[in-house]
Amino acid sequence: MGISTLNAQCNEPTAAGPLAFCGGGASIPIEATATPSTVTYTLVMNDSWGDGWNGNTFTITDSLGWTYFSTTLASGSFGTDSVCLSPNICYIVTCGGGSFTSEVSWNLTSDVTGGIVLSGGRYY
């Protein structure tokens, strides 16, 4: 579904809408979309040796450097974690920073479709 643009009249604050956005009877555009505000993803983390990720971390940031998600596999050979992300932002995914990086692998799956969105290992 695409974006629909509606024009709403500017009104004084009311109990139903306590904010006034403009004056003089002008209109403001309101965009309505079918896109959800966030989508949940599951990170599946694997360690081939079975001792956790040894200080390696999986991190999601944006182009400005804001960190949205960071996690690690503290111990064992398998673990999962969940993250909710906005579908309207471009993200940068990194994985690494620890030792024994050749043991690290991961899959990021969409909880909506069940499909793998990204997969990788060390130095991603």
PDB file of N, CA and C in Angstrom:
ATOM      1  N   MET A   1       0.840  -1.158   0.000  1.00  0.00           N
ATOM      2  CA  MET A   1       0.000   0.000   0.000  1.00  0.00           C
ATOM      3  C   MET A   1       0.886   1.221   0.000  1.00  0.00           C
ATOM      4  N   GLY A   2       0.563   2.212  -0.782  1.00  0.00           N
ATOM      5  CA  GLY A   2       1.370   3.415  -0.898  1.00  0.00           C
ATOM      6  C   GLY A   2       1.054   4.420   0.176  1.00  0.00           C
ATOM      7  N   ILE A   3       1.578   5.607   0.006  1.00  0.00           N
ATOM      8  CA  ILE A   3       1.360   6.682   0.960  1.00  0.00           C
ATOM      9  C   ILE A   3       0.199   7.528   0.473  1.00  0.00           C
ATOM     10  N   SER A   4      -0.733   7.789   1.349  1.00  0.00           N
ATOM     11  CA  SER A   4      -1.857   8.673   1.052  1.00  0.00           C
ATOM     12  C   SER A   4      -1.612   9.985   1.754  1.00  0.00           C
ATOM     13  N   THR A   5      -1.787  11.076   1.038  1.00  0.00           N
ATOM     14  CA  THR A   5      -1.626  12.382   1.655  1.00  0.00           C
ATOM     15  C   THR A   5      -3.000  12.995   1.846  1.00  0.00           C
ATOM     16  N   LEU A   6      -3.303  13.369   3.069  1.00  0.00           N
ATOM     17  CA  LEU A   6      -4.574  13.988   3.407  1.00  0.00           C
ATOM     18  C   LEU A   6      -4.302  15.394   3.883  1.00  0.00           C
ATOM     19  N   ASN A   7      -5.237  16.276   3.702  1.00  0.00           N
ATOM     20  CA  ASN A   7      -5.105  17.625   4.231  1.00  0.00           C
ATOM     21  C   ASN A   7      -6.057  17.784   5.395  1.00  0.00           C
ATOM     22  N   ALA A   8      -5.538  18.150   6.531  1.00  0.00           N
ATOM     23  CA  ALA A   8      -6.351  18.344   7.725  1.00  0.00           C
ATOM     24  C   ALA A   8      -6.403  19.824   8.044  1.00  0.00           C
ATOM     25  N   GLN A   9      -7.565  20.296   8.382  1.00  0.00           N
ATOM     26  CA  GLN A   9      -7.707  21.690   8.762  1.00  0.00           C
ATOM     27  C   GLN A   9      -7.026  21.930  10.100  1.00  0.00           C
ATOM     28  N   CYS A  10      -6.448  23.076  10.231  1.00  0.00           N
ATOM     29  CA  CYS A  10      -5.839  23.448  11.505  1.00  0.00           C
ATOM     30  C   CYS A  10      -6.934  23.894  12.445  1.00  0.00           C
ATOM     31  N   ASN A  11      -6.884  23.413  13.630  1.00  0.00           N
ATOM     32  CA  ASN A  11      -7.894  23.732  14.625  1.00  0.00           C
ATOM     33  C   ASN A  11      -7.232  24.170  15.912  1.00  0.00           C
ATOM     34  N   GLU A  12      -8.014  24.816  16.736  1.00  0.00           N
ATOM     35  CA  GLU A  12      -7.558  25.149  18.070  1.00  0.00           C
ATOM     36  C   GLU A  12      -7.458  23.861  18.880  1.00  0.00           C
ATOM     37  N   PRO A  13      -6.689  23.856  19.940  1.00  0.00           N
ATOM     38  CA  PRO A  13      -6.606  22.661  20.784  1.00  0.00           C
ATOM     39  C   PRO A  13      -7.979  22.279  21.328  1.00  0.00           C
ATOM     40  N   THR A  14      -8.227  20.980  21.386  1.00  0.00           N
ATOM     41  CA  THR A  14      -9.463  20.455  21.960  1.00  0.00           C
ATOM     42  C   THR A  14      -9.092  19.313  22.894  1.00  0.00           C
ATOM     43  N   ALA A  15     -10.092  18.770  23.554  1.00  0.00           N
ATOM     44  CA  ALA A  15      -9.835  17.623  24.429  1.00  0.00           C
ATOM     45  C   ALA A  15      -9.371  16.428  23.615  1.00  0.00           C
ATOM     46  N   ALA A  16      -9.900  16.261  22.402  1.00  0.00           N
ATOM     47  CA  ALA A  16      -9.514  15.133  21.553  1.00  0.00           C
ATOM     48  C   ALA A  16      -8.162  15.357  20.898  1.00  0.00           C
ATOM     49  N   GLY A  17      -7.816  16.599  20.593  1.00  0.00           N
ATOM     50  CA  GLY A  17      -6.548  16.924  19.951  1.00  0.00           C
ATOM     51  C   GLY A  17      -5.949  18.139  20.612  1.00  0.00           C
ATOM     52  N   PRO A  18      -5.171  17.955  21.683  1.00  0.00           N
ATOM     53  CA  PRO A  18      -4.733  19.084  22.502  1.00  0.00           C
ATOM     54  C   PRO A  18      -3.663  19.973  21.877  1.00  0.00           C
ATOM     55  N   LEU A  19      -3.159  19.668  20.706  1.00  0.00           N
ATOM     56  CA  LEU A  19      -2.115  20.491  20.105  1.00  0.00           C
ATOM     57  C   LEU A  19      -2.646  21.236  18.886  1.00  0.00           C
ATOM     58  N   ALA A  20      -2.306  22.501  18.760  1.00  0.00           N
ATOM     59  CA  ALA A  20      -2.626  23.274  17.564  1.00  0.00           C
ATOM     60  C   ALA A  20      -1.350  23.371  16.741  1.00  0.00           C
ATOM     61  N   PHE A  21      -1.407  23.008  15.464  1.00  0.00           N
ATOM     62  CA  PHE A  21      -0.203  22.963  14.645  1.00  0.00           C
ATOM     63  C   PHE A  21      -0.021  24.177  13.749  1.00  0.00           C
ATOM     64  N   CYS A  22      -1.069  24.914  13.466  1.00  0.00           N
ATOM     65  CA  CYS A  22      -0.931  26.096  12.622  1.00  0.00           C
ATOM     66  C   CYS A  22      -2.150  26.977  12.829  1.00  0.00           C
ATOM     67  N   GLY A  23      -2.128  28.145  12.239  1.00  0.00           N
ATOM     68  CA  GLY A  23      -3.242  29.066  12.413  1.00  0.00           C
ATOM     69  C   GLY A  23      -3.710  29.602  11.080  1.00  0.00           C
ATOM     70  N   GLY A  24      -4.763  30.356  11.091  1.00  0.00           N
ATOM     71  CA  GLY A  24      -5.253  31.012   9.895  1.00  0.00           C
ATOM     72  C   GLY A  24      -6.008  30.104   8.945  1.00  0.00           C
ATOM     73  N   GLY A  25      -6.459  28.933   9.376  1.00  0.00           N
ATOM     74  CA  GLY A  25      -7.249  28.062   8.517  1.00  0.00           C
ATOM     75  C   GLY A  25      -6.452  27.329   7.455  1.00  0.00           C
ATOM     76  N   ALA A  26      -5.120  27.321   7.543  1.00  0.00           N
ATOM     77  CA  ALA A  26      -4.293  26.610   6.561  1.00  0.00           C
ATOM     78  C   ALA A  26      -4.380  25.114   6.793  1.00  0.00           C
ATOM     79  N   SER A  27      -3.941  24.334   5.815  1.00  0.00           N
ATOM     80  CA  SER A  27      -3.935  22.882   5.926  1.00  0.00           C
ATOM     81  C   SER A  27      -2.525  22.373   6.157  1.00  0.00           C
ATOM     82  N   ILE A  28      -2.414  21.220   6.798  1.00  0.00           N
ATOM     83  CA  ILE A  28      -1.130  20.559   6.968  1.00  0.00           C
ATOM     84  C   ILE A  28      -1.234  19.165   6.384  1.00  0.00           C
ATOM     85  N   PRO A  29      -0.193  18.672   5.719  1.00  0.00           N
ATOM     86  CA  PRO A  29      -0.264  17.316   5.160  1.00  0.00           C
ATOM     87  C   PRO A  29      -0.090  16.268   6.252  1.00  0.00           C
ATOM     88  N   ILE A  30      -0.865  15.219   6.179  1.00  0.00           N
ATOM     89  CA  ILE A  30      -0.754  14.086   7.083  1.00  0.00           C
ATOM     90  C   ILE A  30      -0.554  12.861   6.214  1.00  0.00           C
ATOM     91  N   GLU A  31       0.517  12.125   6.456  1.00  0.00           N
ATOM     92  CA  GLU A  31       0.772  10.927   5.676  1.00  0.00           C
ATOM     93  C   GLU A  31       0.285   9.709   6.439  1.00  0.00           C
ATOM     94  N   ALA A  32      -0.479   8.875   5.757  1.00  0.00           N
ATOM     95  CA  ALA A  32      -0.962   7.627   6.339  1.00  0.00           C
ATOM     96  C   ALA A  32      -0.400   6.480   5.515  1.00  0.00           C
ATOM     97  N   THR A  33       0.244   5.526   6.176  1.00  0.00           N
ATOM     98  CA  THR A  33       0.825   4.395   5.454  1.00  0.00           C
ATOM     99  C   THR A  33       0.418   3.095   6.120  1.00  0.00           C
ATOM    100  N   ALA A  34       0.631   2.027   5.390  1.00  0.00           N
ATOM    101  CA  ALA A  34       0.377   0.701   5.937  1.00  0.00           C
ATOM    102  C   ALA A  34       1.639   0.102   6.546  1.00  0.00           C
ATOM    103  N   THR A  35       2.733   0.837   6.519  1.00  0.00           N
ATOM    104  CA  THR A  35       3.994   0.349   7.053  1.00  0.00           C
ATOM    105  C   THR A  35       3.966   0.412   8.580  1.00  0.00           C
ATOM    106  N   PRO A  36       4.311  -0.693   9.248  1.00  0.00           N
ATOM    107  CA  PRO A  36       4.338  -0.653  10.711  1.00  0.00           C
ATOM    108  C   PRO A  36       5.448   0.253  11.215  1.00  0.00           C
ATOM    109  N   SER A  37       5.283   0.781  12.422  1.00  0.00           N
ATOM    110  CA  SER A  37       6.294   1.676  12.965  1.00  0.00           C
ATOM    111  C   SER A  37       7.575   0.932  13.331  1.00  0.00           C
ATOM    112  N   THR A  38       7.464  -0.340  13.716  1.00  0.00           N
ATOM    113  CA  THR A  38       8.640  -1.163  13.967  1.00  0.00           C
ATOM    114  C   THR A  38       8.381  -2.590  13.493  1.00  0.00           C
ATOM    115  N   VAL A  39       9.457  -3.277  13.190  1.00  0.00           N
ATOM    116  CA  VAL A  39       9.397  -4.683  12.805  1.00  0.00           C
ATOM    117  C   VAL A  39      10.339  -5.440  13.738  1.00  0.00           C
ATOM    118  N   THR A  40       9.906  -6.593  14.225  1.00  0.00           N
ATOM    119  CA  THR A  40      10.727  -7.384  15.129  1.00  0.00           C
ATOM    120  C   THR A  40      11.553  -8.393  14.346  1.00  0.00           C
ATOM    121  N   TYR A  41      12.820  -8.478  14.698  1.00  0.00           N
ATOM    122  CA  TYR A  41      13.752  -9.422  14.086  1.00  0.00           C
ATOM    123  C   TYR A  41      14.351 -10.296  15.192  1.00  0.00           C
ATOM    124  N   THR A  42      14.686 -11.520  14.845  1.00  0.00           N
ATOM    125  CA  THR A  42      15.352 -12.420  15.780  1.00  0.00           C
ATOM    126  C   THR A  42      16.762 -12.689  15.286  1.00  0.00           C
ATOM    127  N   LEU A  43      17.726 -12.488  16.156  1.00  0.00           N
ATOM    128  CA  LEU A  43      19.117 -12.788  15.855  1.00  0.00           C
ATOM    129  C   LEU A  43      19.429 -14.169  16.410  1.00  0.00           C
ATOM    130  N   VAL A  44      19.853 -15.067  15.544  1.00  0.00           N
ATOM    131  CA  VAL A  44      20.277 -16.409  15.942  1.00  0.00           C
ATOM    132  C   VAL A  44      21.802 -16.404  15.922  1.00  0.00           C
ATOM    133  N   MET A  45      22.409 -16.646  17.084  1.00  0.00           N
ATOM    134  CA  MET A  45      23.866 -16.583  17.236  1.00  0.00           C
ATOM    135  C   MET A  45      24.423 -17.986  17.441  1.00  0.00           C
ATOM    136  N   ASN A  46      25.503 -18.304  16.731  1.00  0.00           N
ATOM    137  CA  ASN A  46      26.146 -19.610  16.836  1.00  0.00           C
ATOM    138  C   ASN A  46      27.631 -19.446  17.131  1.00  0.00           C
ATOM    139  N   ASP A  47      28.163 -20.394  17.877  1.00  0.00           N
ATOM    140  CA  ASP A  47      29.599 -20.451  18.138  1.00  0.00           C
ATOM    141  C   ASP A  47      30.048 -21.892  17.923  1.00  0.00           C
ATOM    142  N   SER A  48      30.918 -22.108  16.962  1.00  0.00           N
ATOM    143  CA  SER A  48      31.292 -23.471  16.580  1.00  0.00           C
ATOM    144  C   SER A  48      32.091 -24.204  17.661  1.00  0.00           C
ATOM    145  N   TRP A  49      32.777 -23.502  18.548  1.00  0.00           N
ATOM    146  CA  TRP A  49      33.550 -24.149  19.612  1.00  0.00           C
ATOM    147  C   TRP A  49      32.685 -24.429  20.837  1.00  0.00           C
ATOM    148  N   GLY A  50      31.623 -23.628  21.003  1.00  0.00           N
ATOM    149  CA  GLY A  50      30.710 -23.844  22.114  1.00  0.00           C
ATOM    150  C   GLY A  50      31.025 -23.085  23.377  1.00  0.00           C
ATOM    151  N   ASP A  51      31.891 -22.067  23.265  1.00  0.00           N
ATOM    152  CA  ASP A  51      32.266 -21.311  24.459  1.00  0.00           C
ATOM    153  C   ASP A  51      31.839 -19.851  24.402  1.00  0.00           C
ATOM    154  N   GLY A  52      30.843 -19.545  23.609  1.00  0.00           N
ATOM    155  CA  GLY A  52      30.394 -18.162  23.477  1.00  0.00           C
ATOM    156  C   GLY A  52      31.240 -17.391  22.475  1.00  0.00           C
ATOM    157  N   TRP A  53      30.929 -16.138  22.329  1.00  0.00           N
ATOM    158  CA  TRP A  53      31.565 -15.325  21.285  1.00  0.00           C
ATOM    159  C   TRP A  53      32.877 -14.663  21.718  1.00  0.00           C
ATOM    160  N   ASN A  54      33.372 -14.914  22.887  1.00  0.00           N
ATOM    161  CA  ASN A  54      34.691 -14.442  23.332  1.00  0.00           C
ATOM    162  C   ASN A  54      34.914 -12.948  23.094  1.00  0.00           C
ATOM    163  N   GLY A  55      33.936 -12.139  23.494  1.00  0.00           N
ATOM    164  CA  GLY A  55      34.076 -10.689  23.370  1.00  0.00           C
ATOM    165  C   GLY A  55      33.602 -10.105  22.055  1.00  0.00           C
ATOM    166  N   ASN A  56      33.229 -10.919  21.086  1.00  0.00           N
ATOM    167  CA  ASN A  56      32.682 -10.403  19.828  1.00  0.00           C
ATOM    168  C   ASN A  56      31.252  -9.922  20.072  1.00  0.00           C
ATOM    169  N   THR A  57      30.869  -8.865  19.392  1.00  0.00           N
ATOM    170  CA  THR A  57      29.527  -8.322  19.540  1.00  0.00           C
ATOM    171  C   THR A  57      28.877  -8.107  18.179  1.00  0.00           C
ATOM    172  N   PHE A  58      27.566  -8.265  18.145  1.00  0.00           N
ATOM    173  CA  PHE A  58      26.738  -7.958  16.984  1.00  0.00           C
ATOM    174  C   PHE A  58      26.081  -6.618  17.284  1.00  0.00           C
ATOM    175  N   THR A  59      26.279  -5.629  16.396  1.00  0.00           N
ATOM    176  CA  THR A  59      25.804  -4.273  16.656  1.00  0.00           C
ATOM    177  C   THR A  59      25.090  -3.717  15.435  1.00  0.00           C
ATOM    178  N   ILE A  60      23.991  -3.007  15.692  1.00  0.00           N
ATOM    179  CA  ILE A  60      23.253  -2.312  14.636  1.00  0.00           C
ATOM    180  C   ILE A  60      23.282  -0.828  14.965  1.00  0.00           C
ATOM    181  N   THR A  61      23.803  -0.025  14.024  1.00  0.00           N
ATOM    182  CA  THR A  61      23.864   1.430  14.180  1.00  0.00           C
ATOM    183  C   THR A  61      23.247   2.077  12.945  1.00  0.00           C
ATOM    184  N   ASP A  62      23.108   3.402  12.991  1.00  0.00           N
ATOM    185  CA  ASP A  62      22.705   4.132  11.795  1.00  0.00           C
ATOM    186  C   ASP A  62      23.899   4.918  11.275  1.00  0.00           C
ATOM    187  N   SER A  63      23.692   5.668  10.199  1.00  0.00           N
ATOM    188  CA  SER A  63      24.802   6.387   9.561  1.00  0.00           C
ATOM    189  C   SER A  63      25.361   7.513  10.427  1.00  0.00           C
ATOM    190  N   LEU A  64      24.627   7.917  11.455  1.00  0.00           N
ATOM    191  CA  LEU A  64      25.107   8.958  12.363  1.00  0.00           C
ATOM    192  C   LEU A  64      25.846   8.383  13.571  1.00  0.00           C
ATOM    193  N   GLY A  65      25.885   7.041  13.659  1.00  0.00           N
ATOM    194  CA  GLY A  65      26.587   6.406  14.756  1.00  0.00           C
ATOM    195  C   GLY A  65      25.729   6.042  15.953  1.00  0.00           C
ATOM    196  N   TRP A  66      24.426   6.277  15.883  1.00  0.00           N
ATOM    197  CA  TRP A  66      23.534   5.890  16.976  1.00  0.00           C
ATOM    198  C   TRP A  66      23.425   4.381  17.035  1.00  0.00           C
ATOM    199  N   THR A  67      23.614   3.804  18.204  1.00  0.00           N
ATOM    200  CA  THR A  67      23.499   2.361  18.379  1.00  0.00           C
ATOM    201  C   THR A  67      22.054   2.010  18.721  1.00  0.00           C
ATOM    202  N   TYR A  68      21.458   1.150  17.894  1.00  0.00           N
ATOM    203  CA  TYR A  68      20.088   0.704  18.121  1.00  0.00           C
ATOM    204  C   TYR A  68      20.041  -0.642  18.840  1.00  0.00           C
ATOM    205  N   PHE A  69      21.107  -1.424  18.709  1.00  0.00           N
ATOM    206  CA  PHE A  69      21.093  -2.778  19.260  1.00  0.00           C
ATOM    207  C   PHE A  69      22.516  -3.291  19.335  1.00  0.00           C
ATOM    208  N   SER A  70      22.856  -3.931  20.435  1.00  0.00           N
ATOM    209  CA  SER A  70      24.160  -4.557  20.576  1.00  0.00           C
ATOM    210  C   SER A  70      24.011  -5.754  21.507  1.00  0.00           C
ATOM    211  N   THR A  71      24.562  -6.896  21.098  1.00  0.00           N
ATOM    212  CA  THR A  71      24.430  -8.099  21.906  1.00  0.00           C
ATOM    213  C   THR A  71      25.607  -9.028  21.642  1.00  0.00           C
ATOM    214  N   THR A  72      25.723 -10.048  22.464  1.00  0.00           N
ATOM    215  CA  THR A  72      26.748 -11.060  22.291  1.00  0.00           C
ATOM    216  C   THR A  72      26.213 -12.401  22.777  1.00  0.00           C
ATOM    217  N   LEU A  73      26.890 -13.447  22.415  1.00  0.00           N
ATOM    218  CA  LEU A  73      26.602 -14.782  22.942  1.00  0.00           C
ATOM    219  C   LEU A  73      27.578 -14.996  24.092  1.00  0.00           C
ATOM    220  N   ALA A  74      27.086 -14.847  25.322  1.00  0.00           N
ATOM    221  CA  ALA A  74      27.960 -14.866  26.499  1.00  0.00           C
ATOM    222  C   ALA A  74      28.612 -16.226  26.728  1.00  0.00           C
ATOM    223  N   SER A  75      27.875 -17.308  26.443  1.00  0.00           N
ATOM    224  CA  SER A  75      28.425 -18.645  26.634  1.00  0.00           C
ATOM    225  C   SER A  75      27.631 -19.625  25.780  1.00  0.00           C
ATOM    226  N   GLY A  76      28.212 -20.805  25.586  1.00  0.00           N
ATOM    227  CA  GLY A  76      27.521 -21.849  24.847  1.00  0.00           C
ATOM    228  C   GLY A  76      27.702 -21.752  23.348  1.00  0.00           C
ATOM    229  N   SER A  77      26.985 -22.607  22.636  1.00  0.00           N
ATOM    230  CA  SER A  77      27.132 -22.677  21.180  1.00  0.00           C
ATOM    231  C   SER A  77      25.969 -22.044  20.430  1.00  0.00           C
ATOM    232  N   PHE A  78      24.878 -21.697  21.150  1.00  0.00           N
ATOM    233  CA  PHE A  78      23.695 -21.191  20.474  1.00  0.00           C
ATOM    234  C   PHE A  78      22.939 -20.234  21.377  1.00  0.00           C
ATOM    235  N   GLY A  79      22.394 -19.176  20.776  1.00  0.00           N
ATOM    236  CA  GLY A  79      21.558 -18.248  21.514  1.00  0.00           C
ATOM    237  C   GLY A  79      20.754 -17.381  20.573  1.00  0.00           C
ATOM    238  N   THR A  80      19.720 -16.748  21.097  1.00  0.00           N
ATOM    239  CA  THR A  80      18.904 -15.834  20.297  1.00  0.00           C
ATOM    240  C   THR A  80      18.699 -14.539  21.066  1.00  0.00           C
ATOM    241  N   ASP A  81      18.381 -13.495  20.318  1.00  0.00           N
ATOM    242  CA  ASP A  81      18.032 -12.200  20.898  1.00  0.00           C
ATOM    243  C   ASP A  81      17.074 -11.542  19.914  1.00  0.00           C
ATOM    244  N   SER A  82      16.250 -10.631  20.393  1.00  0.00           N
ATOM    245  CA  SER A  82      15.274  -9.945  19.541  1.00  0.00           C
ATOM    246  C   SER A  82      15.538  -8.453  19.519  1.00  0.00           C
ATOM    247  N   VAL A  83      15.199  -7.833  18.388  1.00  0.00           N
ATOM    248  CA  VAL A  83      15.344  -6.394  18.243  1.00  0.00           C
ATOM    249  C   VAL A  83      14.182  -5.869  17.409  1.00  0.00           C
ATOM    250  N   CYS A  84      13.661  -4.715  17.796  1.00  0.00           N
ATOM    251  CA  CYS A  84      12.619  -4.036  17.021  1.00  0.00           C
ATOM    252  C   CYS A  84      13.254  -2.848  16.314  1.00  0.00           C
ATOM    253  N   LEU A  85      13.061  -2.770  15.007  1.00  0.00           N
ATOM    254  CA  LEU A  85      13.668  -1.708  14.208  1.00  0.00           C
ATOM    255  C   LEU A  85      12.619  -1.045  13.332  1.00  0.00           C
ATOM    256  N   SER A  86      12.806   0.226  13.058  1.00  0.00           N
ATOM    257  CA  SER A  86      11.942   0.950  12.142  1.00  0.00           C
ATOM    258  C   SER A  86      12.300   0.562  10.711  1.00  0.00           C
ATOM    259  N   PRO A  87      11.306   0.303   9.867  1.00  0.00           N
ATOM    260  CA  PRO A  87      11.610  -0.041   8.480  1.00  0.00           C
ATOM    261  C   PRO A  87      12.019   1.168   7.638  1.00  0.00           C
ATOM    262  N   ASN A  88      12.002   2.374   8.206  1.00  0.00           N
ATOM    263  CA  ASN A  88      12.286   3.589   7.451  1.00  0.00           C
ATOM    264  C   ASN A  88      13.681   4.147   7.682  1.00  0.00           C
ATOM    265  N   ILE A  89      14.568   3.368   8.276  1.00  0.00           N
ATOM    266  CA  ILE A  89      15.932   3.810   8.571  1.00  0.00           C
ATOM    267  C   ILE A  89      16.912   2.827   7.942  1.00  0.00           C
ATOM    268  N   CYS A  90      18.004   3.348   7.395  1.00  0.00           N
ATOM    269  CA  CYS A  90      19.074   2.485   6.884  1.00  0.00           C
ATOM    270  C   CYS A  90      20.010   2.175   8.043  1.00  0.00           C
ATOM    271  N   TYR A  91      20.326   0.902   8.209  1.00  0.00           N
ATOM    272  CA  TYR A  91      21.134   0.450   9.330  1.00  0.00           C
ATOM    273  C   TYR A  91      22.478  -0.080   8.870  1.00  0.00           C
ATOM    274  N   ILE A  92      23.453  -0.027   9.770  1.00  0.00           N
ATOM    275  CA  ILE A  92      24.778  -0.580   9.541  1.00  0.00           C
ATOM    276  C   ILE A  92      24.965  -1.715  10.545  1.00  0.00           C
ATOM    277  N   VAL A  93      25.267  -2.903  10.046  1.00  0.00           N
ATOM    278  CA  VAL A  93      25.446  -4.079  10.895  1.00  0.00           C
ATOM    279  C   VAL A  93      26.927  -4.410  10.966  1.00  0.00           C
ATOM    280  N   THR A  94      27.427  -4.606  12.180  1.00  0.00           N
ATOM    281  CA  THR A  94      28.810  -5.043  12.370  1.00  0.00           C
ATOM    282  C   THR A  94      28.827  -6.216  13.339  1.00  0.00           C
ATOM    283  N   CYS A  95      29.843  -7.056  13.201  1.00  0.00           N
ATOM    284  CA  CYS A  95      30.036  -8.159  14.126  1.00  0.00           C
ATOM    285  C   CYS A  95      31.532  -8.403  14.238  1.00  0.00           C
ATOM    286  N   GLY A  96      32.042  -8.404  15.445  1.00  0.00           N
ATOM    287  CA  GLY A  96      33.468  -8.635  15.659  1.00  0.00           C
ATOM    288  C   GLY A  96      33.923  -7.977  16.948  1.00  0.00           C
ATOM    289  N   GLY A  97      35.231  -7.735  17.044  1.00  0.00           N
ATOM    290  CA  GLY A  97      35.798  -7.029  18.173  1.00  0.00           C
ATOM    291  C   GLY A  97      36.361  -7.905  19.272  1.00  0.00           C
ATOM    292  N   GLY A  98      36.235  -9.207  19.130  1.00  0.00           N
ATOM    293  CA  GLY A  98      36.746 -10.096  20.169  1.00  0.00           C
ATOM    294  C   GLY A  98      37.781 -11.049  19.600  1.00  0.00           C
ATOM    295  N   SER A  99      37.971 -12.151  20.290  1.00  0.00           N
ATOM    296  CA  SER A  99      38.929 -13.158  19.842  1.00  0.00           C
ATOM    297  C   SER A  99      38.204 -14.386  19.299  1.00  0.00           C
ATOM    298  N   PHE A 100      38.954 -15.270  18.675  1.00  0.00           N
ATOM    299  CA  PHE A 100      38.431 -16.501  18.080  1.00  0.00           C
ATOM    300  C   PHE A 100      37.246 -16.214  17.150  1.00  0.00           C
ATOM    301  N   THR A 101      37.411 -15.202  16.294  1.00  0.00           N
ATOM    302  CA  THR A 101      36.330 -14.745  15.418  1.00  0.00           C
ATOM    303  C   THR A 101      35.883 -15.800  14.413  1.00  0.00           C
ATOM    304  N   SER A 102      36.745 -16.757  14.107  1.00  0.00           N
ATOM    305  CA  SER A 102      36.364 -17.789  13.135  1.00  0.00           C
ATOM    306  C   SER A 102      35.263 -18.704  13.660  1.00  0.00           C
ATOM    307  N   GLU A 103      34.997 -18.668  14.966  1.00  0.00           N
ATOM    308  CA  GLU A 103      33.947 -19.501  15.562  1.00  0.00           C
ATOM    309  C   GLU A 103      32.566 -18.866  15.481  1.00  0.00           C
ATOM    310  N   VAL A 104      32.492 -17.584  15.131  1.00  0.00           N
ATOM    311  CA  VAL A 104      31.266 -16.797  15.211  1.00  0.00           C
ATOM    312  C   VAL A 104      30.469 -16.866  13.916  1.00  0.00           C
ATOM    313  N   SER A 105      29.147 -17.113  14.029  1.00  0.00           N
ATOM    314  CA  SER A 105      28.233 -16.979  12.891  1.00  0.00           C
ATOM    315  C   SER A 105      26.866 -16.555  13.408  1.00  0.00           C
ATOM    316  N   TRP A 106      26.037 -15.984  12.525  1.00  0.00           N
ATOM    317  CA  TRP A 106      24.727 -15.480  12.934  1.00  0.00           C
ATOM    318  C   TRP A 106      23.787 -15.371  11.744  1.00  0.00           C
ATOM    319  N   ASN A 107      22.491 -15.378  12.046  1.00  0.00           N
ATOM    320  CA  ASN A 107      21.417 -15.117  11.083  1.00  0.00           C
ATOM    321  C   ASN A 107      20.455 -14.130  11.718  1.00  0.00           C
ATOM    322  N   LEU A 108      20.036 -13.134  10.958  1.00  0.00           N
ATOM    323  CA  LEU A 108      19.015 -12.193  11.399  1.00  0.00           C
ATOM    324  C   LEU A 108      17.757 -12.492  10.593  1.00  0.00           C
ATOM    325  N   THR A 109      16.684 -12.896  11.281  1.00  0.00           N
ATOM    326  CA  THR A 109      15.458 -13.286  10.596  1.00  0.00           C
ATOM    327  C   THR A 109      14.323 -12.325  10.934  1.00  0.00           C
ATOM    328  N   SER A 110      13.434 -12.139   9.973  1.00  0.00           N
ATOM    329  CA  SER A 110      12.246 -11.318  10.170  1.00  0.00           C
ATOM    330  C   SER A 110      11.183 -12.145  10.874  1.00  0.00           C
ATOM    331  N   ASP A 111      10.641 -11.618  11.964  1.00  0.00           N
ATOM    332  CA  ASP A 111       9.563 -12.315  12.650  1.00  0.00           C
ATOM    333  C   ASP A 111       8.264 -12.271  11.841  1.00  0.00           C
ATOM    334  N   VAL A 112       8.165 -11.344  10.893  1.00  0.00           N
ATOM    335  CA  VAL A 112       6.971 -11.235  10.052  1.00  0.00           C
ATOM    336  C   VAL A 112       6.951 -12.340   9.006  1.00  0.00           C
ATOM    337  N   THR A 113       8.072 -12.520   8.298  1.00  0.00           N
ATOM    338  CA  THR A 113       8.114 -13.492   7.197  1.00  0.00           C
ATOM    339  C   THR A 113       8.782 -14.801   7.584  1.00  0.00           C
ATOM    340  N   GLY A 114       9.606 -14.791   8.621  1.00  0.00           N
ATOM    341  CA  GLY A 114      10.371 -15.969   9.000  1.00  0.00           C
ATOM    342  C   GLY A 114      11.624 -16.163   8.163  1.00  0.00           C
ATOM    343  N   GLY A 115      11.821 -15.298   7.182  1.00  0.00           N
ATOM    344  CA  GLY A 115      12.973 -15.412   6.293  1.00  0.00           C
ATOM    345  C   GLY A 115      14.218 -14.746   6.848  1.00  0.00           C
ATOM    346  N   ILE A 116      15.360 -15.224   6.382  1.00  0.00           N
ATOM    347  CA  ILE A 116      16.642 -14.636   6.781  1.00  0.00           C
ATOM    348  C   ILE A 116      16.836 -13.325   6.038  1.00  0.00           C
ATOM    349  N   VAL A 117      17.074 -12.251   6.784  1.00  0.00           N
ATOM    350  CA  VAL A 117      17.306 -10.932   6.226  1.00  0.00           C
ATOM    351  C   VAL A 117      18.789 -10.720   5.953  1.00  0.00           C
ATOM    352  N   LEU A 118      19.628 -11.142   6.895  1.00  0.00           N
ATOM    353  CA  LEU A 118      21.082 -11.041   6.792  1.00  0.00           C
ATOM    354  C   LEU A 118      21.695 -12.249   7.486  1.00  0.00           C
ATOM    355  N   SER A 119      22.854 -12.654   7.019  1.00  0.00           N
ATOM    356  CA  SER A 119      23.608 -13.685   7.728  1.00  0.00           C
ATOM    357  C   SER A 119      25.084 -13.390   7.554  1.00  0.00           C
ATOM    358  N   GLY A 120      25.871 -13.857   8.496  1.00  0.00           N
ATOM    359  CA  GLY A 120      27.294 -13.608   8.408  1.00  0.00           C
ATOM    360  C   GLY A 120      28.037 -14.243   9.551  1.00  0.00           C
ATOM    361  N   GLY A 121      29.217 -13.712   9.767  1.00  0.00           N
ATOM    362  CA  GLY A 121      30.083 -14.196  10.819  1.00  0.00           C
ATOM    363  C   GLY A 121      30.989 -13.083  11.260  1.00  0.00           C
ATOM    364  N   ARG A 122      32.236 -13.417  11.447  1.00  0.00           N
ATOM    365  CA  ARG A 122      33.208 -12.433  11.901  1.00  0.00           C
ATOM    366  C   ARG A 122      33.401 -11.340  10.865  1.00  0.00           C
ATOM    367  N   TYR A 123      33.839 -10.221  11.318  1.00  0.00           N
ATOM    368  CA  TYR A 123      34.202  -9.075  10.476  1.00  0.00           C
ATOM    369  C   TYR A 123      33.098  -8.671   9.530  1.00  0.00           C
ATOM    370  N   TYR A 124      31.873  -8.762   9.956  1.00  0.00           N
ATOM    371  CA  TYR A 124      30.782  -8.336   9.097  1.00  0.00           C
ATOM    372  C   TYR A 124      30.556  -6.867   9.298  1.00  0.00           C
TER     373      TYR A 124
END
